Amino acid sequence: TAFLHGDLEEEVYMEQPPGFVVRGDSSLVCRLRRPFDALKQSSRAWFGKFNTVIQKFDFDMIRREADHSVFYRRSSPNLCIYLVVYVDDML
C-alpha cells in the first residue's frame, strides 16, 4: 500500500495486536515507525512524501494553489500535462 511510504510527523503508539501480547503483560504498547492505512494521518503523510518526491526529481510540475492535489506542467503553449492525486491514486 502507498501509505507505508509516508513519514510520521509525530510519535504514534498502539495497543499490541492479538498474538503479540507478552503473556501476563497486556499493558505494553507498540510505537509505530511507519503509517498504515488505518491511521487518520496516513493519507497526509503519504501525500507529503509524494509532494517531496515530485519537487526533488524536478519534473517541473507546479502544484495548483486552488487545489493542492492537482499538479500541472505546461510543455508548450498548446500542451498542458495534469497530474491529479486522489487519496493514493494518480490520474
N, C-alpha and C. Protein backbone atom coordinates (compact mmCIF):
# COMPACT_ATOMS: atom_id res chain seq x y z
N THR A 1 0.83 -1.19 0.00
CA THR A 1 0.00 0.00 0.00
C THR A 1 0.87 1.25 0.00
N ALA A 2 0.39 2.29 -0.62
CA ALA A 2 1.15 3.54 -0.71
C ALA A 2 1.38 4.18 0.65
N PHE A 3 0.46 3.95 1.58
CA PHE A 3 0.55 4.61 2.88
C PHE A 3 1.78 4.20 3.68
N LEU A 4 2.35 3.05 3.39
CA LEU A 4 3.55 2.61 4.11
C LEU A 4 4.77 3.45 3.76
N HIS A 5 4.70 4.24 2.70
CA HIS A 5 5.85 5.02 2.26
C HIS A 5 5.88 6.43 2.82
N GLY A 6 4.88 6.81 3.57
CA GLY A 6 4.86 8.13 4.19
C GLY A 6 5.74 8.17 5.43
N ASP A 7 5.95 9.36 5.95
CA ASP A 7 6.72 9.55 7.18
C ASP A 7 5.82 10.15 8.24
N LEU A 8 5.81 9.57 9.42
CA LEU A 8 5.01 10.11 10.52
C LEU A 8 5.68 11.36 11.08
N GLU A 9 4.90 12.38 11.35
CA GLU A 9 5.43 13.62 11.90
C GLU A 9 5.45 13.61 13.42
N GLU A 10 4.76 12.68 14.04
CA GLU A 10 4.70 12.60 15.49
C GLU A 10 4.83 11.14 15.92
N GLU A 11 5.07 10.94 17.21
CA GLU A 11 5.14 9.58 17.72
C GLU A 11 3.72 9.04 17.88
N VAL A 12 3.51 7.83 17.39
CA VAL A 12 2.20 7.19 17.46
C VAL A 12 2.37 5.83 18.12
N TYR A 13 1.52 5.56 19.10
CA TYR A 13 1.55 4.28 19.81
C TYR A 13 0.22 3.58 19.63
N MET A 14 0.24 2.27 19.67
CA MET A 14 -0.99 1.49 19.56
C MET A 14 -0.90 0.28 20.48
N GLU A 15 -2.07 -0.25 20.81
CA GLU A 15 -2.09 -1.49 21.59
C GLU A 15 -1.50 -2.61 20.75
N GLN A 16 -0.93 -3.58 21.43
CA GLN A 16 -0.35 -4.71 20.71
C GLN A 16 -1.45 -5.51 20.01
N PRO A 17 -1.19 -5.94 18.78
CA PRO A 17 -2.18 -6.76 18.09
C PRO A 17 -2.31 -8.13 18.75
N PRO A 18 -3.45 -8.79 18.58
CA PRO A 18 -3.62 -10.13 19.14
C PRO A 18 -2.51 -11.06 18.64
N GLY A 19 -1.99 -11.86 19.53
CA GLY A 19 -0.92 -12.78 19.16
C GLY A 19 0.46 -12.25 19.47
N PHE A 20 0.58 -10.94 19.70
CA PHE A 20 1.88 -10.34 20.01
C PHE A 20 2.01 -9.97 21.48
N VAL A 21 0.95 -10.11 22.22
CA VAL A 21 0.95 -9.72 23.63
C VAL A 21 1.83 -10.68 24.42
N VAL A 22 2.74 -10.11 25.21
CA VAL A 22 3.59 -10.92 26.09
C VAL A 22 2.70 -11.49 27.18
N ARG A 23 2.82 -12.78 27.42
CA ARG A 23 1.97 -13.45 28.40
C ARG A 23 2.07 -12.75 29.75
N GLY A 24 0.94 -12.37 30.28
CA GLY A 24 0.87 -11.75 31.59
C GLY A 24 1.13 -10.26 31.60
N ASP A 25 1.43 -9.66 30.44
CA ASP A 25 1.69 -8.22 30.43
C ASP A 25 1.01 -7.59 29.21
N SER A 26 -0.29 -7.38 29.32
CA SER A 26 -1.04 -6.80 28.21
C SER A 26 -1.01 -5.28 28.22
N SER A 27 -0.26 -4.68 29.15
CA SER A 27 -0.21 -3.22 29.22
C SER A 27 0.84 -2.63 28.28
N LEU A 28 1.66 -3.46 27.64
CA LEU A 28 2.68 -2.96 26.72
C LEU A 28 2.03 -2.43 25.44
N VAL A 29 2.65 -1.44 24.84
CA VAL A 29 2.17 -0.86 23.59
C VAL A 29 3.29 -0.90 22.55
N CYS A 30 2.94 -0.67 21.30
CA CYS A 30 3.91 -0.63 20.20
C CYS A 30 4.03 0.80 19.69
N ARG A 31 5.25 1.22 19.40
CA ARG A 31 5.46 2.52 18.75
C ARG A 31 5.57 2.27 17.25
N LEU A 32 4.78 2.99 16.48
CA LEU A 32 4.79 2.81 15.03
C LEU A 32 5.95 3.57 14.41
N ARG A 33 6.62 2.93 13.48
CA ARG A 33 7.70 3.59 12.74
C ARG A 33 7.20 4.12 11.40
N ARG A 34 6.15 3.51 10.89
CA ARG A 34 5.57 3.89 9.61
C ARG A 34 4.06 3.96 9.72
N PRO A 35 3.43 4.83 8.94
CA PRO A 35 1.96 4.86 8.93
C PRO A 35 1.41 3.64 8.20
N PHE A 36 0.18 3.33 8.45
CA PHE A 36 -0.51 2.29 7.69
C PHE A 36 -1.93 2.77 7.44
N ASP A 37 -2.65 2.08 6.60
CA ASP A 37 -3.93 2.60 6.09
C ASP A 37 -5.00 2.85 7.13
N ALA A 38 -4.89 2.30 8.32
CA ALA A 38 -5.92 2.52 9.35
C ALA A 38 -5.71 3.81 10.14
N LEU A 39 -4.56 4.45 10.00
CA LEU A 39 -4.31 5.70 10.73
C LEU A 39 -4.95 6.88 10.02
N LYS A 40 -5.46 7.82 10.79
CA LYS A 40 -6.07 9.02 10.21
C LYS A 40 -5.05 9.83 9.43
N GLN A 41 -3.82 9.91 9.92
CA GLN A 41 -2.80 10.76 9.31
C GLN A 41 -2.03 10.08 8.17
N SER A 42 -2.36 8.84 7.83
CA SER A 42 -1.61 8.12 6.79
C SER A 42 -1.70 8.78 5.43
N SER A 43 -2.88 9.22 5.05
CA SER A 43 -3.06 9.86 3.75
C SER A 43 -2.24 11.14 3.66
N ARG A 44 -2.26 11.93 4.71
CA ARG A 44 -1.49 13.18 4.73
C ARG A 44 0.01 12.91 4.68
N ALA A 45 0.47 11.89 5.41
CA ALA A 45 1.89 11.54 5.42
C ALA A 45 2.34 11.08 4.04
N TRP A 46 1.52 10.26 3.38
CA TRP A 46 1.87 9.80 2.04
C TRP A 46 1.91 10.95 1.05
N PHE A 47 0.93 11.84 1.11
CA PHE A 47 0.90 12.96 0.18
C PHE A 47 2.10 13.88 0.39
N GLY A 48 2.49 14.08 1.64
CA GLY A 48 3.67 14.90 1.92
C GLY A 48 4.92 14.30 1.29
N LYS A 49 5.06 12.99 1.40
CA LYS A 49 6.20 12.29 0.79
C LYS A 49 6.13 12.39 -0.73
N PHE A 50 4.94 12.19 -1.29
CA PHE A 50 4.75 12.28 -2.74
C PHE A 50 5.13 13.67 -3.25
N ASN A 51 4.66 14.70 -2.57
CA ASN A 51 4.96 16.07 -2.96
C ASN A 51 6.46 16.34 -2.93
N THR A 52 7.15 15.83 -1.91
CA THR A 52 8.60 15.99 -1.80
C THR A 52 9.30 15.32 -2.98
N VAL A 53 8.86 14.13 -3.35
CA VAL A 53 9.48 13.41 -4.47
C VAL A 53 9.25 14.15 -5.78
N ILE A 54 8.05 14.65 -5.99
CA ILE A 54 7.75 15.40 -7.22
C ILE A 54 8.68 16.62 -7.33
N GLN A 55 8.89 17.33 -6.24
CA GLN A 55 9.76 18.50 -6.25
C GLN A 55 11.24 18.10 -6.38
N LYS A 56 11.64 17.03 -5.73
CA LYS A 56 13.04 16.59 -5.72
C LYS A 56 13.53 16.17 -7.10
N PHE A 57 12.70 15.46 -7.84
CA PHE A 57 13.13 14.96 -9.13
C PHE A 57 12.92 15.98 -10.26
N ASP A 58 12.50 17.16 -9.91
CA ASP A 58 12.40 18.28 -10.85
C ASP A 58 11.63 17.92 -12.12
N PHE A 59 10.41 17.46 -11.94
CA PHE A 59 9.54 17.19 -13.08
C PHE A 59 8.93 18.48 -13.63
N ASP A 60 9.29 19.61 -13.05
CA ASP A 60 8.72 20.90 -13.43
C ASP A 60 7.21 20.93 -13.27
N MET A 61 6.70 20.16 -12.32
CA MET A 61 5.28 20.15 -12.04
C MET A 61 4.98 21.24 -11.01
N ILE A 62 3.95 22.00 -11.25
CA ILE A 62 3.54 23.07 -10.35
C ILE A 62 2.26 22.64 -9.65
N ARG A 63 2.23 22.81 -8.34
CA ARG A 63 1.03 22.45 -7.58
C ARG A 63 0.07 23.63 -7.62
N ARG A 64 -1.18 23.36 -7.95
CA ARG A 64 -2.18 24.43 -8.04
C ARG A 64 -2.49 24.99 -6.67
N GLU A 65 -2.64 26.28 -6.61
CA GLU A 65 -2.97 26.95 -5.34
C GLU A 65 -4.39 26.63 -4.90
N ALA A 66 -5.31 26.54 -5.85
CA ALA A 66 -6.72 26.31 -5.52
C ALA A 66 -6.99 24.87 -5.08
N ASP A 67 -6.23 23.93 -5.61
CA ASP A 67 -6.41 22.51 -5.26
C ASP A 67 -5.04 21.86 -5.18
N HIS A 68 -4.58 21.60 -3.98
CA HIS A 68 -3.22 21.10 -3.78
C HIS A 68 -3.00 19.68 -4.27
N SER A 69 -4.05 19.00 -4.67
CA SER A 69 -3.88 17.64 -5.19
C SER A 69 -3.79 17.62 -6.72
N VAL A 70 -3.71 18.79 -7.34
CA VAL A 70 -3.57 18.89 -8.79
C VAL A 70 -2.23 19.54 -9.11
N PHE A 71 -1.43 18.83 -9.91
CA PHE A 71 -0.15 19.34 -10.38
C PHE A 71 -0.26 19.51 -11.89
N TYR A 72 0.46 20.48 -12.43
CA TYR A 72 0.43 20.65 -13.88
C TYR A 72 1.78 21.11 -14.39
N ARG A 73 1.97 20.89 -15.68
CA ARG A 73 3.19 21.33 -16.35
C ARG A 73 2.80 21.75 -17.76
N ARG A 74 3.18 22.96 -18.12
CA ARG A 74 2.90 23.45 -19.47
C ARG A 74 4.12 23.16 -20.32
N SER A 75 3.99 22.19 -21.24
CA SER A 75 5.10 21.79 -22.10
C SER A 75 5.27 22.72 -23.28
N SER A 76 4.19 23.27 -23.75
CA SER A 76 4.21 24.22 -24.86
C SER A 76 2.95 25.07 -24.74
N PRO A 77 2.81 26.11 -25.54
CA PRO A 77 1.59 26.93 -25.43
C PRO A 77 0.30 26.15 -25.64
N ASN A 78 0.35 25.06 -26.40
CA ASN A 78 -0.85 24.29 -26.70
C ASN A 78 -0.96 22.98 -25.92
N LEU A 79 0.02 22.68 -25.06
CA LEU A 79 0.01 21.40 -24.36
C LEU A 79 0.26 21.60 -22.87
N CYS A 80 -0.68 21.10 -22.08
CA CYS A 80 -0.56 21.17 -20.63
C CYS A 80 -0.79 19.77 -20.07
N ILE A 81 0.12 19.33 -19.21
CA ILE A 81 0.02 18.00 -18.60
C ILE A 81 -0.48 18.16 -17.18
N TYR A 82 -1.51 17.40 -16.82
CA TYR A 82 -2.06 17.44 -15.47
C TYR A 82 -1.82 16.11 -14.77
N LEU A 83 -1.52 16.19 -13.48
CA LEU A 83 -1.41 15.02 -12.62
C LEU A 83 -2.34 15.27 -11.44
N VAL A 84 -3.35 14.43 -11.31
CA VAL A 84 -4.35 14.59 -10.25
C VAL A 84 -4.17 13.45 -9.25
N VAL A 85 -4.07 13.80 -7.97
CA VAL A 85 -3.90 12.80 -6.92
C VAL A 85 -5.19 12.74 -6.11
N TYR A 86 -5.73 11.53 -5.98
CA TYR A 86 -6.92 11.31 -5.17
C TYR A 86 -6.60 10.19 -4.19
N VAL A 87 -6.46 10.52 -2.93
CA VAL A 87 -6.04 9.63 -1.86
C VAL A 87 -4.69 9.02 -2.24
N ASP A 88 -4.64 7.79 -2.74
CA ASP A 88 -3.36 7.22 -3.15
C ASP A 88 -3.38 6.80 -4.62
N ASP A 89 -4.30 7.39 -5.38
CA ASP A 89 -4.39 7.12 -6.82
C ASP A 89 -3.97 8.35 -7.59
N MET A 90 -3.38 8.14 -8.76
CA MET A 90 -2.97 9.24 -9.63
C MET A 90 -3.62 9.08 -10.99
N LEU A 91 -4.09 10.19 -11.53
CA LEU A 91 -4.69 10.20 -12.87
C LEU A 91 -3.83 11.05 -13.78
